[in-house]
PDB file of N, CA and C in Angstrom:
ATOM      1  N   MET A   1      74.887 -16.705   8.119  1.00  0.00           N
ATOM      2  CA  MET A   1      74.734 -15.873   7.242  1.00  0.00           C
ATOM      3  C   MET A   1      73.462 -15.211   6.902  1.00  0.00           C
ATOM      4  N   SER A   2      73.127 -13.718   7.166  1.00  0.00           N
ATOM      5  CA  SER A   2      71.656 -13.698   6.888  1.00  0.00           C
ATOM      6  C   SER A   2      71.288 -13.666   5.335  1.00  0.00           C
ATOM      7  N   VAL A   3      69.993 -13.836   4.895  1.00  0.00           N
ATOM      8  CA  VAL A   3      69.579 -13.999   3.696  1.00  0.00           C
ATOM      9  C   VAL A   3      70.005 -12.873   2.560  1.00  0.00           C
ATOM     10  N   MET A   4      70.130 -11.644   3.275  1.00  0.00           N
ATOM     11  CA  MET A   4      70.575 -10.355   2.648  1.00  0.00           C
ATOM     12  C   MET A   4      72.146 -10.577   2.116  1.00  0.00           C
ATOM     13  N   ARG A   5      73.047 -10.948   3.121  1.00  0.00           N
ATOM     14  CA  ARG A   5      74.076 -11.242   2.752  1.00  0.00           C
ATOM     15  C   ARG A   5      74.024 -12.501   1.652  1.00  0.00           C
ATOM     16  N   GLU A   6      73.775 -13.225   1.803  1.00  0.00           N
ATOM     17  CA  GLU A   6      73.671 -14.529   0.743  1.00  0.00           C
ATOM     18  C   GLU A   6      73.152 -14.120  -0.752  1.00  0.00           C
ATOM     19  N   GLU A   7      72.284 -12.958  -0.588  1.00  0.00           N
ATOM     20  CA  GLU A   7      71.605 -12.673  -1.957  1.00  0.00           C
ATOM     21  C   GLU A   7      72.820 -11.900  -2.248  1.00  0.00           C
ATOM     22  N   LEU A   8      73.559 -10.909  -1.592  1.00  0.00           N
ATOM     23  CA  LEU A   8      74.465  -9.988  -2.391  1.00  0.00           C
ATOM     24  C   LEU A   8      75.806 -10.963  -2.281  1.00  0.00           C
ATOM     25  N   HIS A   9      75.989 -12.172  -2.087  1.00  0.00           N
ATOM     26  CA  HIS A   9      77.146 -12.641  -2.585  1.00  0.00           C
ATOM     27  C   HIS A   9      76.714 -13.540  -3.654  1.00  0.00           C
ATOM     28  N   HIS A  10      75.592 -13.844  -4.062  1.00  0.00           N
ATOM     29  CA  HIS A  10      75.377 -14.293  -4.852  1.00  0.00           C
ATOM     30  C   HIS A  10      75.073 -13.389  -6.421  1.00  0.00           C
ATOM     31  N   LEU A  11      74.562 -12.282  -6.044  1.00  0.00           N
ATOM     32  CA  LEU A  11      74.618 -11.257  -7.200  1.00  0.00           C
ATOM     33  C   LEU A  11      75.962 -10.757  -7.416  1.00  0.00           C
ATOM     34  N   VAL A  12      77.132 -11.001  -6.286  1.00  0.00           N
ATOM     35  CA  VAL A  12      78.580 -10.417  -6.706  1.00  0.00           C
ATOM     36  C   VAL A  12      79.165 -11.518  -7.863  1.00  0.00           C
ATOM     37  N   ASP A  13      78.901 -12.703  -7.413  1.00  0.00           N
ATOM     38  CA  ASP A  13      79.251 -13.874  -8.087  1.00  0.00           C
ATOM     39  C   ASP A  13      78.908 -13.788  -9.266  1.00  0.00           C
ATOM     40  N   ARG A  14      77.696 -13.190  -9.842  1.00  0.00           N
ATOM     41  CA  ARG A  14      77.117 -13.121 -11.237  1.00  0.00           C
ATOM     42  C   ARG A  14      77.718 -11.991 -12.039  1.00  0.00           C
ATOM     43  N   LEU A  15      77.991 -11.015 -11.266  1.00  0.00           N
ATOM     44  CA  LEU A  15      78.571  -9.774 -11.934  1.00  0.00           C
ATOM     45  C   LEU A  15      79.720 -10.148 -12.655  1.00  0.00           C
ATOM     46  N   PRO A  16      79.812  -9.631 -14.245  1.00  0.00           N
ATOM     47  CA  PRO A  16      80.994  -9.580 -14.916  1.00  0.00           C
ATOM     48  C   PRO A  16      82.344  -9.199 -14.524  1.00  0.00           C
ATOM     49  N   GLU A  17      83.396  -9.463 -14.570  1.00  0.00           N
ATOM     50  CA  GLU A  17      84.468  -8.930 -13.925  1.00  0.00           C
ATOM     51  C   GLU A  17      84.749  -7.353 -14.503  1.00  0.00           C
ATOM     52  N   ALA A  18      84.120  -6.829 -15.533  1.00  0.00           N
ATOM     53  CA  ALA A  18      84.183  -5.639 -15.871  1.00  0.00           C
ATOM     54  C   ALA A  18      83.536  -4.780 -14.895  1.00  0.00           C
ATOM     55  N   LYS A  19      82.273  -5.054 -14.066  1.00  0.00           N
ATOM     56  CA  LYS A  19      81.607  -4.372 -13.475  1.00  0.00           C
ATOM     57  C   LYS A  19      81.890  -4.655 -11.903  1.00  0.00           C
ATOM     58  N   LEU A  20      82.728  -5.314 -11.707  1.00  0.00           N
ATOM     59  CA  LEU A  20      83.032  -5.323 -10.253  1.00  0.00           C
ATOM     60  C   LEU A  20      84.010  -4.221  -9.497  1.00  0.00           C
ATOM     61  N   GLY A  21      84.837  -3.543 -10.231  1.00  0.00           N
ATOM     62  CA  GLY A  21      85.251  -2.521 -10.064  1.00  0.00           C
ATOM     63  C   GLY A  21      83.929  -1.128  -9.477  1.00  0.00           C
ATOM     64  N   PRO A  22      82.961  -0.923 -10.078  1.00  0.00           N
ATOM     65  CA  PRO A  22      82.524  -0.104  -9.842  1.00  0.00           C
ATOM     66  C   PRO A  22      81.561  -0.404  -8.500  1.00  0.00           C
ATOM     67  N   ALA A  23      81.119  -1.729  -8.453  1.00  0.00           N
ATOM     68  CA  ALA A  23      80.381  -2.210  -7.101  1.00  0.00           C
ATOM     69  C   ALA A  23      81.267  -2.302  -6.096  1.00  0.00           C
ATOM     70  N   LEU A  24      82.665  -2.332  -6.189  1.00  0.00           N
ATOM     71  CA  LEU A  24      83.288  -2.549  -5.104  1.00  0.00           C
ATOM     72  C   LEU A  24      83.918  -1.410  -4.569  1.00  0.00           C
ATOM     73  N   GLU A  25      83.913  -0.291  -5.494  1.00  0.00           N
ATOM     74  CA  GLU A  25      84.043   1.267  -4.786  1.00  0.00           C
ATOM     75  C   GLU A  25      82.578   1.622  -4.276  1.00  0.00           C
ATOM     76  N   LEU A  26      81.698   1.446  -4.719  1.00  0.00           N
ATOM     77  CA  LEU A  26      80.208   1.691  -4.072  1.00  0.00           C
ATOM     78  C   LEU A  26      80.356   1.199  -2.499  1.00  0.00           C
ATOM     79  N   ILE A  27      80.499  -0.224  -2.547  1.00  0.00           N
ATOM     80  CA  ILE A  27      80.491  -0.560  -1.309  1.00  0.00           C
ATOM     81  C   ILE A  27      81.791  -0.188  -0.226  1.00  0.00           C
ATOM     82  N   GLN A  28      82.906  -0.036  -0.860  1.00  0.00           N
ATOM     83  CA  GLN A  28      84.095   0.720   0.222  1.00  0.00           C
ATOM     84  C   GLN A  28      83.148   2.119   0.504  1.00  0.00           C
ATOM     85  N   GLY A  29      82.782   2.939  -0.299  1.00  0.00           N
ATOM     86  CA  GLY A  29      82.441   4.019  -0.088  1.00  0.00           C
ATOM     87  C   GLY A  29      81.434   4.309   1.065  1.00  0.00           C
ATOM     88  N   SER A  30      80.528   3.277   0.965  1.00  0.00           N
ATOM     89  CA  SER A  30      79.702   2.949   1.901  1.00  0.00           C
ATOM     90  C   SER A  30      80.132   2.500   3.426  1.00  0.00           C
ATOM     91  N   LEU A  31      81.119   1.685   3.611  1.00  0.00           N
ATOM     92  CA  LEU A  31      81.770   1.549   4.601  1.00  0.00           C
ATOM     93  C   LEU A  31      82.967   2.793   5.291  1.00  0.00           C
ATOM     94  N   GLU A  32      83.298   3.377   4.421  1.00  0.00           N
ATOM     95  CA  GLU A  32      84.093   4.617   4.679  1.00  0.00           C
ATOM     96  C   GLU A  32      83.158   5.794   5.360  1.00  0.00           C
ATOM     97  N   GLU A  33      82.043   5.698   4.660  1.00  0.00           N
ATOM     98  CA  GLU A  33      81.153   6.836   5.349  1.00  0.00           C
ATOM     99  C   GLU A  33      80.665   6.245   6.631  1.00  0.00           C
ATOM    100  N   SER A  34      80.294   4.889   7.100  1.00  0.00           N
ATOM    101  CA  SER A  34      79.725   4.664   8.141  1.00  0.00           C
ATOM    102  C   SER A  34      80.962   4.673   9.560  1.00  0.00           C
ATOM    103  N   GLU A  35      82.256   4.514   8.791  1.00  0.00           N
ATOM    104  CA  GLU A  35      83.218   4.455   9.834  1.00  0.00           C
ATOM    105  C   GLU A  35      83.388   6.043  10.328  1.00  0.00           C
ATOM    106  N   GLU A  36      83.016   6.851   9.550  1.00  0.00           N
ATOM    107  CA  GLU A  36      83.368   8.449   9.640  1.00  0.00           C
ATOM    108  C   GLU A  36      82.303   9.435  10.527  1.00  0.00           C
ATOM    109  N   GLU A  37      81.393   8.574  10.480  1.00  0.00           N
ATOM    110  CA  GLU A  37      80.223   9.113  11.326  1.00  0.00           C
ATOM    111  C   GLU A  37      80.771   9.509  12.514  1.00  0.00           C
ATOM    112  N   VAL A  38      80.194  10.623  12.808  1.00  0.00           N
ATOM    113  CA  VAL A  38      80.808  11.242  14.171  1.00  0.00           C
ATOM    114  C   VAL A  38      79.486  11.133  14.941  1.00  0.00           C
ATOM    115  N   GLU A  39      79.634  10.838  16.477  1.00  0.00           N
ATOM    116  CA  GLU A  39      78.851  11.227  17.391  1.00  0.00           C
ATOM    117  C   GLU A  39      78.639  12.481  17.757  1.00  0.00           C
ATOM    118  N   ARG A  40      77.395  13.100  17.703  1.00  0.00           N
ATOM    119  CA  ARG A  40      76.975  14.215  18.248  1.00  0.00           C
ATOM    120  C   ARG A  40      76.654  14.472  19.419  1.00  0.00           C
ATOM    121  N   ASP A  41      77.103  15.654  19.738  1.00  0.00           N
ATOM    122  CA  ASP A  41      76.608  15.780  21.608  1.00  0.00           C
ATOM    123  C   ASP A  41      75.367  16.865  21.238  1.00  0.00           C
ATOM    124  N   LEU A  42      74.275  16.239  21.287  1.00  0.00           N
ATOM    125  CA  LEU A  42      72.947  17.437  21.300  1.00  0.00           C
ATOM    126  C   LEU A  42      72.532  17.464  22.761  1.00  0.00           C
ATOM    127  N   PRO A  43      73.014  18.213  23.893  1.00  0.00           N
ATOM    128  CA  PRO A  43      72.745  18.261  25.074  1.00  0.00           C
ATOM    129  C   PRO A  43      71.172  18.557  25.162  1.00  0.00           C
ATOM    130  N   PHE A  44      70.679  19.567  23.968  1.00  0.00           N
ATOM    131  CA  PHE A  44      69.209  19.931  24.305  1.00  0.00           C
ATOM    132  C   PHE A  44      68.313  18.906  23.960  1.00  0.00           C
ATOM    133  N   PHE A  45      68.888  17.839  23.279  1.00  0.00           N
ATOM    134  CA  PHE A  45      67.815  16.824  22.564  1.00  0.00           C
ATOM    135  C   PHE A  45      67.089  16.143  23.868  1.00  0.00           C
ATOM    136  N   GLY A  46      65.689  15.971  23.797  1.00  0.00           N
ATOM    137  CA  GLY A  46      65.197  15.373  24.701  1.00  0.00           C
ATOM    138  C   GLY A  46      64.773  16.023  26.112  1.00  0.00           C
ATOM    139  N   SER A  47      65.342  17.313  26.232  1.00  0.00           N
ATOM    140  CA  SER A  47      65.020  18.287  27.176  1.00  0.00           C
ATOM    141  C   SER A  47      63.604  18.517  26.939  1.00  0.00           C
ATOM    142  N   PHE A  48      63.123  18.799  25.878  1.00  0.00           N
ATOM    143  CA  PHE A  48      61.585  19.668  25.758  1.00  0.00           C
ATOM    144  C   PHE A  48      60.756  17.827  26.032  1.00  0.00           C
ATOM    145  N   ALA A  49      60.347  18.121  27.070  1.00  0.00           N
ATOM    146  CA  ALA A  49      59.402  17.038  27.476  1.00  0.00           C
ATOM    147  C   ALA A  49      57.936  17.486  27.621  1.00  0.00           C
ATOM    148  N   MET A  50      57.097  17.257  26.931  1.00  0.00           N
ATOM    149  CA  MET A  50      55.765  17.233  27.149  1.00  0.00           C
ATOM    150  C   MET A  50      54.889  16.262  27.135  1.00  0.00           C
ATOM    151  N   GLY A  51      53.442  16.231  27.290  1.00  0.00           N
ATOM    152  CA  GLY A  51      52.724  15.287  26.804  1.00  0.00           C
ATOM    153  C   GLY A  51      52.139  15.035  25.529  1.00  0.00           C
ATOM    154  N   PRO A  52      51.629  14.042  25.312  1.00  0.00           N
ATOM    155  CA  PRO A  52      51.261  13.762  23.914  1.00  0.00           C
ATOM    156  C   PRO A  52      50.260  14.727  23.424  1.00  0.00           C
ATOM    157  N   ASP A  53      49.878  15.601  24.032  1.00  0.00           N
ATOM    158  CA  ASP A  53      48.624  16.396  23.711  1.00  0.00           C
ATOM    159  C   ASP A  53      49.240  17.702  23.350  1.00  0.00           C
ATOM    160  N   LEU A  54      50.534  17.944  23.110  1.00  0.00           N
ATOM    161  CA  LEU A  54      50.877  19.138  22.835  1.00  0.00           C
ATOM    162  C   LEU A  54      50.543  20.295  21.940  1.00  0.00           C
ATOM    163  N   SER A  55      50.571  19.192  20.702  1.00  0.00           N
ATOM    164  CA  SER A  55      49.842  19.873  19.420  1.00  0.00           C
ATOM    165  C   SER A  55      48.544  20.318  19.731  1.00  0.00           C
ATOM    166  N   GLU A  56      47.836  19.597  20.442  1.00  0.00           N
ATOM    167  CA  GLU A  56      46.594  19.847  20.613  1.00  0.00           C
ATOM    168  C   GLU A  56      46.171  20.992  21.545  1.00  0.00           C
ATOM    169  N   ARG A  57      46.941  21.505  22.134  1.00  0.00           N
ATOM    170  CA  ARG A  57      47.026  22.611  23.235  1.00  0.00           C
ATOM    171  C   ARG A  57      47.985  23.719  22.737  1.00  0.00           C
ATOM    172  N   HIS A  58      48.690  23.699  21.601  1.00  0.00           N
ATOM    173  CA  HIS A  58      49.519  24.492  21.356  1.00  0.00           C
ATOM    174  C   HIS A  58      49.112  26.197  21.294  1.00  0.00           C
ATOM    175  N   GLU A  59      47.844  25.990  21.115  1.00  0.00           N
ATOM    176  CA  GLU A  59      47.363  27.866  21.279  1.00  0.00           C
ATOM    177  C   GLU A  59      47.341  27.942  22.754  1.00  0.00           C
ATOM    178  N   GLU A  60      46.756  27.295  23.572  1.00  0.00           N
ATOM    179  CA  GLU A  60      47.000  27.351  25.013  1.00  0.00           C
ATOM    180  C   GLU A  60      47.925  27.720  25.567  1.00  0.00           C
ATOM    181  N   ILE A  61      49.037  26.842  25.158  1.00  0.00           N
ATOM    182  CA  ILE A  61      50.620  27.127  26.052  1.00  0.00           C
ATOM    183  C   ILE A  61      51.358  28.397  25.358  1.00  0.00           C
ATOM    184  N   LEU A  62      50.910  28.728  23.883  1.00  0.00           N
ATOM    185  CA  LEU A  62      51.525  30.203  23.427  1.00  0.00           C
ATOM    186  C   LEU A  62      50.716  31.357  24.159  1.00  0.00           C
ATOM    187  N   ARG A  63      49.975  31.023  24.503  1.00  0.00           N
ATOM    188  CA  ARG A  63      48.955  32.200  25.008  1.00  0.00           C
ATOM    189  C   ARG A  63      49.428  32.481  26.511  1.00  0.00           C
ATOM    190  N   ASN A  64      49.591  31.070  27.357  1.00  0.00           N
ATOM    191  CA  ASN A  64      50.299  31.379  28.508  1.00  0.00           C
ATOM    192  C   ASN A  64      51.630  31.860  28.384  1.00  0.00           C
ATOM    193  N   GLU A  65      52.649  31.171  27.681  1.00  0.00           N
ATOM    194  CA  GLU A  65      53.933  31.459  27.412  1.00  0.00           C
ATOM    195  C   GLU A  65      54.316  33.156  27.080  1.00  0.00           C
ATOM    196  N   CYS A  66      53.367  33.229  26.287  1.00  0.00           N
ATOM    197  CA  CYS A  66      53.657  34.868  25.569  1.00  0.00           C
ATOM    198  C   CYS A  66      52.809  35.731  25.722  1.00  0.00           C
ATOM    199  N   GLY A  67      51.837  35.500  26.587  1.00  0.00           N
ATOM    200  CA  GLY A  67      50.883  36.742  26.960  1.00  0.00           C
ATOM    201  C   GLY A  67      49.977  36.987  26.052  1.00  0.00           C
ATOM    202  N   ARG A  68      49.680  35.989  25.071  1.00  0.00           N
ATOM    203  CA  ARG A  68      48.667  36.340  24.027  1.00  0.00           C
ATOM    204  C   ARG A  68      47.238  36.252  24.733  1.00  0.00           C
TER     205      ARG A  68
END
């Protein structure tokens, strides 16, 4: 078990019974959100490939592309 999980278990064990409900709801809500994450289809992502000097050459690139 990771150190974070052990710490979480230790903290939960120290919580008074009255505060377990809100903590449980928080954790359950986090699990539901992560299970509902939808894989997005982003076909354009990564299609723009330029060298690392793109920002340095932005004026030149715009001038060539836009005829400025």
